[in-house]
Structure formats: C-alpha cells, structure tokens
C-alpha cells in the first residue's frame, strides 16, 4: 500500500490553474523529486499535502500513523533557546519517558508496587528500541554534517543568521526520524560539503522522501522517482532525474506536435464558420461550431514566460572601483579576520564559503549597511551601487508586483512596469497577484526586475539564485556576464559561478570560530 495517495487534485489561485485532476502515489522507500518552473505550484503542493492549504478538489490520503517531517524554514522557535536545547527538543517525548521511568523506579523502591516495576521495564524497552542512550552521538553527527558544530552548543538560536537558522531547523527535523521527509529547497543554505553530507544521509534514509529543488545535480543523486509539475498537470516519472527529463522532453515534443495539429484544425474550422455562417452553408457552419464546442482542447506546451535580464549601466570615470583595507566585519564582535582586496573598474568578484561564515555580513559592512568594527571600504566617487539582498522581505507583501514597483518608481507608466515584469518572467496574472501569494522564485524575479530600473556600474548580489529555476539562473548569469561594470556575487552554486569571475575570495578561510 502506498504511504501517500493523491487523487483528482485540483488547485488554482485567482485565474491561474496550477493543476487539474492530478493523481499520483508515494510508495514506501521512494525518494521523489518535485520539479517545475517557478510558480508552477511545487511549494503549494507540499502545503496541501501537510494540510496548510486546502485544495479546490481532490483527496489526500496518508497511511495511518505516518509521521511526517517537513522542513519549514519559517517555523517559530521559542525565545531563549540555545542550539543544543533546540536540537534536543526533537527527543522531548523520549526524554519524558526516561523521566517517568526514573520516577517509577524510585517509587517502586519505596512501595514495591509490581505494576510500577512492569511499567518502568516497558518504558526501558521502548527507550532501548529507539537507541535512546546514543542520542547525544546522533546529535553530534548531524551537527557536524551540517556544519553547526562550529557555532557551539550554547549559541542562541535567536542570534543566528537566516542560513544558520534554516540548517538548525533541518537538523532537528532529521533527528526526529520521521517516516516521510518533505524538503523544500533544502540546499539553498548549504555549502558543497554539507550538501554532500545531506546526499549521503538521504541515500541511507530508509523512509520515503519528497524533495523540491532546482539543484538538478542534487536531485540526480538522491531521487529514484520524479513528479513534474507543469502544463497544469502533475506527471510522475520513474527513474533518475535525467531519465525523467528525457521522458518529459518526449512528452513535450509530442504535445507540441498535437497542439500545432489541433490549432490548424481549429483555425480552418473558424475560418469556414466566419465565411459561411450566414450563407448557403450555414448548416455546415453550425455543425463545425458544435464540433469545436465539443473538442477537448490540447494545452499549449507552456504558458510560462522565459526570463531575460539586462542591467542598465552608467559609465564610471575611475579605473579603480573599490578598495577594502583591513575591514573587520561583524555585529558585536568580528566574524572574520580583517579583509583586504581591491577591484579595478569592470572586475567581477565571487565570495564563497560555507553558509553562516559571514559572507552577507561582509557584504553589508562593505556597503555600509552595518558599521564595520575596524578598517574601511572605499568606493570610487563615480561608483553607483545596486544591491540585491537575498531576503524576500517587502514593506507591504499584500501589494502586487505592479503596485510595489509603482510605489518605488512613481513616474513609471503601468504599461512600462508590466513590460519589465514580463521580461523578468512574471506573467500577467502574477503581476496582479499579492506578493505573499507568489512563490519564492517569482518574488526573486520581481526583485531582479526592480534592480533593472536603476542604472548602476557596480552590482552587489547576495545569493541571487536561491529559489530560481534553471532557465532563469542561466538568464541571470548571461546578464551579469555581459554587464560592463563591477559585480560582487555571493553564491554557493558552482554551476552558476564557474567561468566568469575575475577574482574569488574564500571567506571561510577568514572565519573566526563562532562566527555568525
């Protein structure tokens, strides 16, 4: 029996149909990748499966007593918890049993009640079955695998960066050892070493898993079945990611041929109807109208708009763009050894290193968003900076992309804004949808579209590819490569970063222990 059975699932927002009468199953032990373009409905699907959203139609049936683990990067964490306290809370139920067992043994020593002794023995067996006395070792292994050991057990969760917090939530979920793991873009905040650890973990994990990811190399290594969310359908393919994509291409080609053939039939029929509706062949025209009305229309291959970016450039009058001298970055204490480097006009620099090492903090110190703790970063007087912050935080997330850009650039005509959004891959429906209803990828496209509206000669991009699908990443890479000015990019994705940077700074090598 399948651990999850989805039947006739339909979901839509406003005038956009995400899927219609979709059905699939997740079998025990299957590791399923969920793929599709930005805005196709992948994250929505996960939220429907766990009951956070209600579908328009369809049934979701989990096998009875299935324990589900969901990577919710926005979960609330109680204030005042240290790293080790939060991770240990994954075993709260077992800790409670251990405490009760100790209490029963203590009471038995006084009253010799055999029922209490039997209950304590039962609890002891349950704890042994869960390897209770090896939990500290398990916690250490997961902390080391995800790079959390460098933070220290007593690091307050409330003081962690967004990337560190996401890793802590992932670690707790894995420690809970659920029957099914649901992961939404788990590699966004992981560097290469920690992605490798997660790959090994998932390959050894005996339960079922569903993984949303735009990291196709990752999916190829951890999945044995793929669900593709596209064309208003959810299609399940068996086999690796590459095998699934070959099957998908074949389906797309067949659909494109069938769609084109049907459009020819429709076009001929409509021309005949227009020509003969009022003439001697009106009966035949009406017959063809009925035929068109009964026809089951084949969907076009895709209604997603391809993204294109072009960042406007303003000329620089200086050969030197940026000089960083012994810059000490941090909040209350330095996270890194003092940093020094220079960039000449037009040079492009990549910052790399494990998540939480301090890359974003260094960027903000260079830009003056946060004060430095020593040293300085000095831009040439003719430098005009445009900054992409990785956080998807909006002044008013209930506004639409059109309204948001109109507020930021009040002189722009709505038509111009729509054109800009369309170039970034935001279709007409999403242009008028509240930002908080858009996917992470669609919100990122809106931010990139806004970045295109301000001419600059120095772009600073902090993890711009988080949430983006592969075609959009390629479009962004092309635009940044062509940009004649300076570029600083924080990126953990080797496939995105390879081959077009003039310089590379490994921030990890500058890290001080316990950095943020």
Protein backbone atom coordinates (compact mmCIF):
# COMPACT_ATOMS: atom_id res chain seq x y z
CA UNK A 1 0.00 0.00 0.00
CA UNK A 2 1.23 3.50 -0.86
CA UNK A 3 2.24 5.71 2.05
CA UNK A 4 0.55 8.64 0.26
CA UNK A 5 -2.29 8.53 -2.27
CA UNK A 6 -3.28 11.73 -4.10
CA UNK A 7 -6.42 11.54 -6.23
CA UNK A 8 -8.03 14.08 -8.58
CA UNK A 9 -6.18 17.03 -7.06
CA UNK A 10 -7.13 20.47 -8.43
CA UNK A 11 -5.74 23.78 -7.24
CA UNK A 12 -5.93 27.32 -8.54
CA UNK A 13 -5.27 30.88 -7.45
CA UNK A 14 -7.28 33.71 -8.99
CA UNK A 15 -7.21 32.99 -12.73
CA UNK A 16 -4.23 30.62 -12.68
CA UNK A 17 -4.85 26.88 -12.67
CA UNK A 18 -1.91 25.09 -11.04
CA UNK A 19 -3.13 21.53 -11.60
CA UNK A 20 -6.35 19.86 -12.64
CA UNK A 21 -7.48 16.35 -11.58
CA UNK A 22 -3.91 15.28 -10.79
CA UNK A 23 -3.25 11.88 -9.21
CA UNK A 24 -0.08 10.15 -8.02
CA UNK A 25 1.22 7.95 -5.23
CA UNK A 26 4.29 7.95 -2.99
CA UNK A 27 5.40 4.43 -2.21
CA UNK A 28 7.33 3.37 0.88
CA UNK A 29 11.03 3.94 0.38
CA UNK A 30 10.57 6.16 -2.67
CA UNK A 31 12.64 9.32 -2.82
CA UNK A 32 10.64 11.63 -5.04
CA UNK A 33 11.92 14.85 -6.59
CA UNK A 34 9.37 17.60 -7.22
CA UNK A 35 10.39 19.76 -10.18
CA UNK A 36 8.87 22.51 -12.28
CA UNK A 37 9.35 26.13 -13.25
CA UNK A 38 8.93 28.98 -10.77
CA UNK A 39 5.27 29.46 -9.93
CA UNK A 40 4.19 26.02 -11.17
CA UNK A 41 2.85 25.11 -7.72
CA UNK A 42 5.56 22.92 -6.15
CA UNK A 43 5.58 24.52 -2.70
CA UNK A 44 1.80 24.80 -2.85
CA UNK A 45 1.64 21.04 -3.40
CA UNK A 46 3.67 20.36 -0.26
CA UNK A 47 1.47 22.71 1.77
CA UNK A 48 -1.63 20.91 0.52
CA UNK A 49 -0.15 17.54 1.48
CA UNK A 50 0.52 18.65 5.08
CA UNK A 51 -2.81 20.45 5.41
CA UNK A 52 -1.55 24.04 5.45
CA UNK A 53 -3.59 24.79 2.31
CA UNK A 54 -6.94 23.42 1.22
CA UNK A 55 -7.19 22.20 -2.37
CA UNK A 56 -10.11 23.15 -4.59
CA UNK A 57 -10.82 19.46 -5.19
CA UNK A 58 -9.28 16.06 -4.57
CA UNK A 59 -8.33 13.73 -1.73
CA UNK A 60 -5.05 13.39 0.16
CA UNK A 61 -4.70 10.08 1.99
CA UNK A 62 -1.71 9.33 4.21
CA UNK A 63 -1.27 5.83 5.55
CA UNK A 64 -2.47 5.68 9.14
CA UNK A 65 0.02 6.77 11.84
CA UNK A 66 2.51 8.14 9.31
CA UNK A 67 4.96 10.54 10.99
CA UNK A 68 5.71 13.42 8.61
CA UNK A 69 8.79 15.64 8.82
CA UNK A 70 8.50 18.98 6.99
CA UNK A 71 11.33 21.48 6.53
CA UNK A 72 9.51 24.69 7.41
CA UNK A 73 12.12 27.46 7.27
CA UNK A 74 9.69 29.92 8.85
CA UNK A 75 8.73 27.88 11.90
CA UNK A 76 8.66 29.84 15.17
CA UNK A 77 11.40 28.88 17.63
CA UNK A 78 10.81 29.66 21.34
CA UNK A 79 12.85 32.60 22.56
CA UNK A 80 15.89 31.95 24.73
CA UNK A 81 16.75 28.52 23.29
CA UNK A 82 20.33 27.52 22.64
CA UNK A 83 21.33 25.38 19.69
CA UNK A 84 21.65 22.21 21.76
CA UNK A 85 18.37 22.84 23.60
CA UNK A 86 16.50 23.23 20.32
CA UNK A 87 18.01 20.10 18.79
CA UNK A 88 17.41 18.14 21.98
CA UNK A 89 13.72 19.12 21.80
CA UNK A 90 13.48 16.64 18.89
CA UNK A 91 13.51 13.94 21.59
CA UNK A 92 11.11 15.55 24.05
CA UNK A 93 8.83 12.51 24.04
CA UNK A 94 11.69 10.12 24.76
CA UNK A 95 13.07 12.41 27.46
CA UNK A 96 9.64 12.43 29.11
CA UNK A 97 9.56 8.62 29.04
CA UNK A 98 13.02 8.47 30.58
CA UNK A 99 11.98 10.82 33.36
CA UNK A 100 8.82 8.82 34.03
CA UNK A 101 10.83 5.59 34.10
CA UNK A 102 13.19 7.02 36.71
CA UNK A 103 10.26 8.20 38.77
CA UNK A 104 8.62 4.75 38.64
CA UNK A 105 11.84 3.01 39.72
CA UNK A 106 12.17 5.46 42.62
CA UNK A 107 8.58 4.87 43.73
CA UNK A 108 8.98 1.09 43.39
CA UNK A 109 11.93 1.17 45.78
CA UNK A 110 9.54 2.58 48.39
CA UNK A 111 6.23 0.81 47.80
CA UNK A 112 7.32 -2.37 45.90
CA UNK A 113 4.38 -1.98 43.50
CA UNK A 114 4.96 -4.61 40.78
CA UNK A 115 2.78 -2.70 38.32
CA UNK A 116 5.14 0.26 38.51
CA UNK A 117 8.11 -2.04 38.01
CA UNK A 118 6.47 -3.60 34.95
CA UNK A 119 5.62 -0.18 33.50
CA UNK A 120 9.18 1.02 34.09
CA UNK A 121 10.52 -2.09 32.33
CA UNK A 122 8.23 -1.42 29.38
CA UNK A 123 9.49 2.15 29.15
CA UNK A 124 13.07 0.88 29.35
CA UNK A 125 12.42 -1.45 26.38
CA UNK A 126 10.89 1.40 24.36
CA UNK A 127 13.91 3.64 25.04
CA UNK A 128 16.32 0.86 24.10
CA UNK A 129 14.44 0.26 20.84
CA UNK A 130 14.90 3.95 19.97
CA UNK A 131 18.63 3.85 20.88
CA UNK A 132 17.91 6.50 23.50
CA UNK A 133 21.33 6.34 25.10
CA UNK A 134 23.04 7.07 21.77
CA UNK A 135 21.07 10.26 21.08
CA UNK A 136 23.92 12.59 22.02
CA UNK A 137 26.09 10.88 19.41
CA UNK A 138 23.35 11.26 16.79
CA UNK A 139 23.03 14.96 17.59
CA UNK A 140 26.79 15.42 17.23
CA UNK A 141 26.80 13.60 13.88
CA UNK A 142 24.01 15.76 12.43
CA UNK A 143 25.56 18.97 13.81
CA UNK A 144 28.91 18.08 12.26
CA UNK A 145 27.34 17.04 8.96
CA UNK A 146 25.51 20.36 8.57
CA UNK A 147 28.37 22.49 9.94
CA UNK A 148 26.55 23.51 13.11
CA UNK A 149 29.30 22.28 15.44
CA UNK A 150 31.35 25.40 14.63
CA UNK A 151 28.66 27.57 16.23
CA UNK A 152 28.93 25.96 19.67
CA UNK A 153 26.20 24.24 21.68
CA UNK A 154 25.31 27.39 23.62
CA UNK A 155 24.84 29.65 20.59
CA UNK A 156 21.42 31.30 20.89
CA UNK A 157 19.13 30.39 18.00
CA UNK A 158 17.64 33.90 18.05
CA UNK A 159 21.08 35.35 17.23
CA UNK A 160 21.68 33.14 14.19
CA UNK A 161 21.67 34.27 10.58
CA UNK A 162 18.89 33.15 8.24
CA UNK A 163 21.10 30.46 6.71
CA UNK A 164 22.17 29.10 10.09
CA UNK A 165 18.58 29.06 11.33
CA UNK A 166 17.47 27.06 8.30
CA UNK A 167 20.19 24.48 8.93
CA UNK A 168 19.17 24.19 12.59
CA UNK A 169 15.54 23.55 11.60
CA UNK A 170 16.69 20.93 9.07
CA UNK A 171 18.87 19.26 11.71
CA UNK A 172 16.00 18.99 14.21
CA UNK A 173 13.68 17.56 11.56
CA UNK A 174 16.22 14.87 10.61
CA UNK A 175 16.80 13.98 14.27
CA UNK A 176 13.06 13.41 14.73
CA UNK A 177 13.42 10.45 12.33
CA UNK A 178 10.03 10.74 10.58
CA UNK A 179 8.53 8.14 8.24
CA UNK A 180 8.39 10.71 5.44
CA UNK A 181 10.66 13.69 4.86
CA UNK A 182 9.32 16.71 2.93
CA UNK A 183 12.06 19.13 1.90
CA UNK A 184 11.50 22.44 0.11
CA UNK A 185 14.76 23.71 -1.45
CA UNK A 186 16.99 22.17 1.26
CA UNK A 187 20.27 23.13 -0.47
CA UNK A 188 19.56 26.88 -0.60
CA UNK A 189 21.53 27.49 2.60
CA UNK A 190 24.04 24.65 2.39
CA UNK A 191 27.55 24.78 1.01
CA UNK A 192 29.09 21.96 -1.01
CA UNK A 193 30.43 19.90 1.92
CA UNK A 194 27.11 19.97 3.74
CA UNK A 195 25.16 19.18 0.57
CA UNK A 196 27.39 16.11 0.18
CA UNK A 197 26.57 15.08 3.75
CA UNK A 198 22.82 15.51 3.13
CA UNK A 199 23.13 13.42 -0.05
CA UNK A 200 24.73 10.59 1.95
CA UNK A 201 22.10 10.91 4.66
CA UNK A 202 19.19 10.71 2.23
CA UNK A 203 20.71 7.80 0.34
CA UNK A 204 20.87 5.84 3.59
CA UNK A 205 17.46 7.00 4.80
CA UNK A 206 15.01 4.07 4.62
CA UNK A 207 11.83 6.13 4.72
CA UNK A 208 10.07 7.98 1.93
CA UNK A 209 11.05 11.49 0.87
CA UNK A 210 9.71 14.29 -1.31
CA UNK A 211 12.25 16.94 -2.29
CA UNK A 212 11.62 20.23 -4.10
CA UNK A 213 14.84 21.50 -5.62
CA UNK A 214 16.22 23.45 -8.56
CA UNK A 215 19.62 21.87 -7.87
CA UNK A 216 19.42 19.17 -10.50
CA UNK A 217 22.78 17.63 -9.61
CA UNK A 218 21.46 17.13 -6.08
CA UNK A 219 18.21 15.58 -7.30
CA UNK A 220 20.08 13.21 -9.60
CA UNK A 221 21.90 11.78 -6.58
CA UNK A 222 19.05 11.47 -4.06
CA UNK A 223 15.89 10.58 -6.01
CA UNK A 224 14.55 7.46 -7.71
CA UNK A 225 11.31 8.96 -8.99
CA UNK A 226 10.27 12.43 -10.18
CA UNK A 227 6.99 14.35 -10.14
CA UNK A 228 6.98 17.12 -12.72
CA UNK A 229 4.58 20.00 -12.11
CA UNK A 230 3.90 21.57 -15.50
CA UNK A 231 1.15 22.33 -18.02
CA UNK A 232 -1.47 22.25 -15.25
CA UNK A 233 -0.63 18.60 -14.56
CA UNK A 234 1.46 16.54 -12.14
CA UNK A 235 3.27 13.79 -14.03
CA UNK A 236 5.19 11.05 -12.24
CA UNK A 237 8.24 9.52 -13.88
CA UNK A 238 10.15 6.53 -12.54
CA UNK A 239 13.92 6.55 -12.61
CA UNK A 240 16.59 9.17 -12.07
CA UNK A 241 16.18 12.88 -12.71
CA UNK A 242 17.94 12.68 -16.07
CA UNK A 243 15.80 9.73 -17.14
CA UNK A 244 12.68 11.66 -16.09
CA UNK A 245 13.73 14.73 -18.07
CA UNK A 246 14.26 12.60 -21.18
CA UNK A 247 10.74 11.23 -20.79
CA UNK A 248 9.43 14.76 -20.22
CA UNK A 249 11.10 16.09 -23.39
CA UNK A 250 9.49 13.30 -25.39
CA UNK A 251 6.09 14.20 -23.93
CA UNK A 252 6.66 17.90 -24.64
CA UNK A 253 7.58 17.21 -28.24
CA UNK A 254 4.50 15.02 -28.68
CA UNK A 255 2.28 17.62 -27.02
CA UNK A 256 3.73 20.39 -29.20
CA UNK A 257 3.01 18.35 -32.36
CA UNK A 258 -0.52 17.52 -31.25
CA UNK A 259 -1.20 21.12 -30.20
CA UNK A 260 0.03 22.51 -33.53
CA UNK A 261 -2.03 19.97 -35.46
CA UNK A 262 -5.17 20.78 -33.45
CA UNK A 263 -4.64 24.54 -33.88
CA UNK A 264 -4.62 24.04 -37.65
CA UNK A 265 -7.93 22.17 -37.42
CA UNK A 266 -9.42 24.91 -35.21
CA UNK A 267 -8.16 27.68 -37.48
CA UNK A 268 -9.64 26.06 -40.62
CA UNK A 269 -12.96 25.46 -38.85
CA UNK A 270 -13.16 29.04 -37.55
CA UNK A 271 -12.38 30.47 -40.99
CA UNK A 272 -15.12 28.28 -42.52
CA UNK A 273 -17.61 29.39 -39.85
CA UNK A 274 -16.86 33.10 -40.34
CA UNK A 275 -17.19 32.75 -44.12
CA UNK A 276 -20.35 30.60 -44.24
CA UNK A 277 -22.31 31.37 -41.08
CA UNK A 278 -24.93 33.43 -42.91
CA UNK A 279 -24.78 31.78 -46.36
CA UNK A 280 -26.00 28.63 -48.02
CA UNK A 281 -23.58 26.56 -46.00
CA UNK A 282 -24.84 27.86 -42.64
CA UNK A 283 -25.90 24.38 -41.56
CA UNK A 284 -22.38 23.08 -42.10
CA UNK A 285 -21.01 26.14 -40.26
CA UNK A 286 -23.22 25.42 -37.27
CA UNK A 287 -22.12 21.79 -37.34
CA UNK A 288 -18.50 22.89 -37.16
CA UNK A 289 -19.32 25.24 -34.28
CA UNK A 290 -20.73 22.29 -32.36
CA UNK A 291 -17.64 20.26 -33.24
CA UNK A 292 -15.38 22.98 -31.82
CA UNK A 293 -17.53 23.26 -28.70
CA UNK A 294 -17.21 19.52 -28.03
CA UNK A 295 -13.49 19.39 -28.83
CA UNK A 296 -11.19 18.65 -25.90
CA UNK A 297 -8.56 21.33 -26.29
CA UNK A 298 -4.89 20.40 -26.06
CA UNK A 299 -2.94 22.79 -23.84
CA UNK A 300 -0.07 24.73 -25.37
CA UNK A 301 3.32 23.34 -24.32
CA UNK A 302 3.83 26.09 -21.71
CA UNK A 303 2.40 29.42 -20.57
CA UNK A 304 5.49 30.36 -18.55
CA UNK A 305 7.35 33.39 -19.76
CA UNK A 306 11.10 32.98 -20.26
CA UNK A 307 13.16 35.42 -18.21
CA UNK A 308 15.54 37.94 -19.77
CA UNK A 309 17.59 40.43 -17.76
CA UNK A 310 19.60 43.47 -18.74
CA UNK A 311 21.03 45.69 -16.03
CA UNK A 312 21.43 49.31 -17.20
CA UNK A 313 24.98 50.65 -16.98
CA UNK A 314 26.13 54.15 -16.09
CA UNK A 315 29.70 54.96 -17.08
CA UNK A 316 32.41 55.13 -14.44
CA UNK A 317 35.11 57.79 -14.53
CA UNK A 318 37.64 55.88 -12.44
CA UNK A 319 39.98 52.98 -13.13
CA UNK A 320 39.67 51.85 -9.50
CA UNK A 321 36.23 50.87 -8.25
CA UNK A 322 36.66 49.57 -4.68
CA UNK A 323 39.42 49.33 -2.10
CA UNK A 324 38.83 47.28 1.05
CA UNK A 325 41.52 47.77 3.70
CA UNK A 326 41.74 45.61 6.85
CA UNK A 327 37.95 45.62 7.12
CA UNK A 328 36.63 43.93 10.26
CA UNK A 329 33.08 42.68 9.72
CA UNK A 330 30.59 41.70 12.41
CA UNK A 331 27.88 42.96 14.71
CA UNK A 332 29.06 42.95 18.33
CA UNK A 333 32.30 41.05 17.62
CA UNK A 334 34.32 40.29 14.48
CA UNK A 335 33.26 37.27 12.45
CA UNK A 336 36.28 37.31 10.15
CA UNK A 337 39.94 38.16 10.18
CA UNK A 338 40.50 41.63 8.64
CA UNK A 339 39.72 41.61 4.91
CA UNK A 340 41.68 43.45 2.22
CA UNK A 341 41.22 43.46 -1.56
CA UNK A 342 40.82 45.83 -4.50
CA UNK A 343 38.65 45.81 -7.60
CA UNK A 344 39.50 47.70 -10.76
CA UNK A 345 36.71 49.02 -12.95
CA UNK A 346 34.79 46.17 -14.61
CA UNK A 347 36.21 43.34 -12.46
CA UNK A 348 33.90 40.67 -11.10
CA UNK A 349 34.39 39.00 -7.70
CA UNK A 350 32.80 35.91 -6.18
CA UNK A 351 32.55 35.45 -2.41
CA UNK A 352 32.31 31.83 -1.37
CA UNK A 353 32.43 29.80 1.84
CA UNK A 354 30.07 27.77 3.98
CA UNK A 355 26.76 29.31 4.97
CA UNK A 356 26.85 31.30 8.17
CA UNK A 357 30.56 32.06 7.81
CA UNK A 358 29.86 35.78 7.41
CA UNK A 359 29.59 36.45 3.65
CA UNK A 360 26.40 38.51 3.93
CA UNK A 361 27.78 40.37 6.94
CA UNK A 362 30.93 41.22 4.96
CA UNK A 363 28.81 42.50 2.06
CA UNK A 364 26.75 44.71 4.38
CA UNK A 365 29.92 46.06 6.03
CA UNK A 366 31.40 46.95 2.63
CA UNK A 367 28.17 48.71 1.65
CA UNK A 368 27.88 50.50 5.00
CA UNK A 369 24.53 48.84 5.77
CA UNK A 370 26.10 47.87 9.11
CA UNK A 371 29.09 49.71 10.60
CA UNK A 372 32.46 48.00 10.36
CA UNK A 373 34.36 47.09 13.51
CA UNK A 374 37.60 48.36 12.03
CA UNK A 375 39.29 49.21 8.74
CA UNK A 376 37.39 50.65 5.80
CA UNK A 377 35.80 50.00 2.42
CA UNK A 378 36.08 52.87 -0.02
CA UNK A 379 34.26 53.09 -3.36
CA UNK A 380 35.41 55.38 -6.15
CA UNK A 381 33.39 58.65 -6.19
CA UNK A 382 31.90 57.74 -9.58
CA UNK A 383 30.65 54.30 -8.43
CA UNK A 384 26.87 53.78 -8.41
CA UNK A 385 25.90 50.62 -6.50
CA UNK A 386 22.83 48.44 -6.97
CA UNK A 387 22.33 45.86 -4.18
CA UNK A 388 20.35 42.60 -4.26
CA UNK A 389 19.53 41.38 -0.74
CA UNK A 390 18.71 37.66 -0.58
CA UNK A 391 15.90 38.11 1.97
CA UNK A 392 12.40 38.18 0.47
CA UNK A 393 11.10 40.90 2.79
CA UNK A 394 8.64 43.50 1.49
CA UNK A 395 7.33 46.71 3.05
CA UNK A 396 3.81 45.53 2.26
CA UNK A 397 3.56 41.94 0.98
CA UNK A 398 -0.18 42.38 0.33
CA UNK A 399 0.63 44.65 -2.62
CA UNK A 400 1.01 43.29 -6.15
CA UNK A 401 4.31 43.48 -8.07
CA UNK A 402 2.75 46.24 -10.19
CA UNK A 403 1.81 48.28 -7.11
CA UNK A 404 5.16 47.65 -5.41
CA UNK A 405 7.17 48.90 -8.37
CA UNK A 406 4.76 51.79 -8.93
CA UNK A 407 5.35 52.93 -5.34
CA UNK A 408 9.13 52.67 -5.74
CA UNK A 409 9.17 54.34 -9.19
CA UNK A 410 6.08 56.61 -9.30
CA UNK A 411 6.97 58.17 -12.65
CA UNK A 412 6.85 54.85 -14.49
CA UNK A 413 3.74 54.09 -16.51
CA UNK A 414 1.88 50.85 -15.64
CA UNK A 415 2.47 49.63 -19.20
CA UNK A 416 6.24 50.02 -18.76
CA UNK A 417 6.16 48.17 -15.44
CA UNK A 418 4.18 45.31 -16.97
CA UNK A 419 6.71 45.04 -19.78
CA UNK A 420 9.60 44.95 -17.30
CA UNK A 421 7.93 42.24 -15.24
CA UNK A 422 7.15 40.22 -18.36
CA UNK A 423 10.82 40.38 -19.37
CA UNK A 424 11.71 39.01 -15.94
CA UNK A 425 9.33 36.07 -16.46
CA UNK A 426 6.32 37.35 -14.47
CA UNK A 427 3.13 36.69 -16.43
CA UNK A 428 0.07 38.96 -16.44
CA UNK A 429 -1.78 37.02 -13.74
CA UNK A 430 1.14 37.14 -11.29
CA UNK A 431 1.67 40.83 -11.99
CA UNK A 432 -1.69 41.44 -10.29
CA UNK A 433 -1.33 38.88 -7.50
CA UNK A 434 -0.24 39.87 -3.94
CA UNK A 435 3.47 39.28 -3.37
CA UNK A 436 2.78 36.97 -0.44
CA UNK A 437 0.95 34.61 -2.79
CA UNK A 438 3.88 34.34 -5.19
CA UNK A 439 6.48 31.60 -4.98
CA UNK A 440 10.00 32.37 -3.78
CA UNK A 441 11.23 32.21 -7.36
CA UNK A 442 8.59 34.65 -8.60
CA UNK A 443 9.36 37.09 -5.77
CA UNK A 444 13.04 36.91 -6.66
CA UNK A 445 12.19 37.76 -10.27
CA UNK A 446 10.27 40.82 -9.06
CA UNK A 447 13.32 41.96 -7.08
CA UNK A 448 15.54 41.46 -10.11
CA UNK A 449 13.08 43.43 -12.28
CA UNK A 450 13.28 46.30 -9.79
CA UNK A 451 17.07 46.13 -9.93
CA UNK A 452 16.88 46.67 -13.70
CA UNK A 453 15.14 50.01 -13.20
CA UNK A 454 18.14 51.79 -11.65
CA UNK A 455 21.27 52.38 -13.76
CA UNK A 456 24.49 51.44 -11.94
CA UNK A 457 28.08 50.47 -12.58
CA UNK A 458 28.54 48.21 -9.54
CA UNK A 459 26.18 45.28 -8.79
CA UNK A 460 26.29 43.51 -5.43
CA UNK A 461 24.27 40.27 -5.45
CA UNK A 462 23.79 38.20 -2.28
CA UNK A 463 22.73 34.64 -3.23
CA UNK A 464 20.55 35.78 -6.16
CA UNK A 465 19.89 32.24 -7.44
CA UNK A 466 18.08 30.99 -4.33
CA UNK A 467 14.59 29.89 -5.44
CA UNK A 468 15.26 30.34 -9.19
CA UNK A 469 14.68 27.60 -11.75
CA UNK A 470 17.45 26.61 -14.14
CA UNK A 471 16.38 28.70 -17.18
CA UNK A 472 16.13 31.83 -15.02
CA UNK A 473 19.55 31.17 -13.46
CA UNK A 474 21.04 30.96 -16.94
CA UNK A 475 19.34 34.21 -17.96
CA UNK A 476 20.72 35.94 -14.86
CA UNK A 477 24.20 34.54 -15.42
CA UNK A 478 24.15 35.81 -19.01
CA UNK A 479 23.11 39.30 -17.90
CA UNK A 480 25.76 39.55 -15.18
CA UNK A 481 28.44 38.28 -17.53
CA UNK A 482 27.54 40.92 -20.12
CA UNK A 483 27.29 43.74 -17.56
CA UNK A 484 30.29 46.02 -18.27
CA UNK A 485 30.60 47.26 -14.68
CA UNK A 486 31.76 45.61 -11.46
CA UNK A 487 29.94 42.66 -9.92
CA UNK A 488 30.28 41.09 -6.47
CA UNK A 489 28.27 37.89 -6.11
CA UNK A 490 27.78 35.70 -3.08
CA UNK A 491 27.00 32.23 -4.45
CA UNK A 492 27.28 28.67 -3.21
CA UNK A 493 26.33 27.23 -6.63
CA UNK A 494 29.41 26.16 -8.55
CA UNK A 495 27.44 25.62 -11.78
CA UNK A 496 26.26 29.25 -11.66
CA UNK A 497 29.60 30.74 -10.64
CA UNK A 498 32.07 28.79 -12.76
CA UNK A 499 33.98 30.50 -15.54
CA UNK A 500 33.10 34.21 -15.46
CA UNK A 501 34.69 35.77 -12.37
CA UNK A 502 37.99 37.64 -12.40
CA UNK A 503 38.62 37.09 -8.69
CA UNK A 504 37.40 34.79 -5.93
CA UNK A 505 37.52 35.31 -2.16
CA UNK A 506 37.07 32.27 0.09
CA UNK A 507 35.53 33.86 3.18
CA UNK A 508 35.71 30.54 5.01
CA UNK A 509 39.48 30.93 5.28
CA UNK A 510 38.99 34.27 7.03
CA UNK A 511 36.42 32.94 9.50
CA UNK A 512 36.87 33.27 13.25
CA UNK A 513 35.43 30.40 15.32
CA UNK A 514 31.87 31.01 16.39
CA UNK A 515 31.16 33.39 13.51
CA UNK A 516 27.66 34.41 12.51
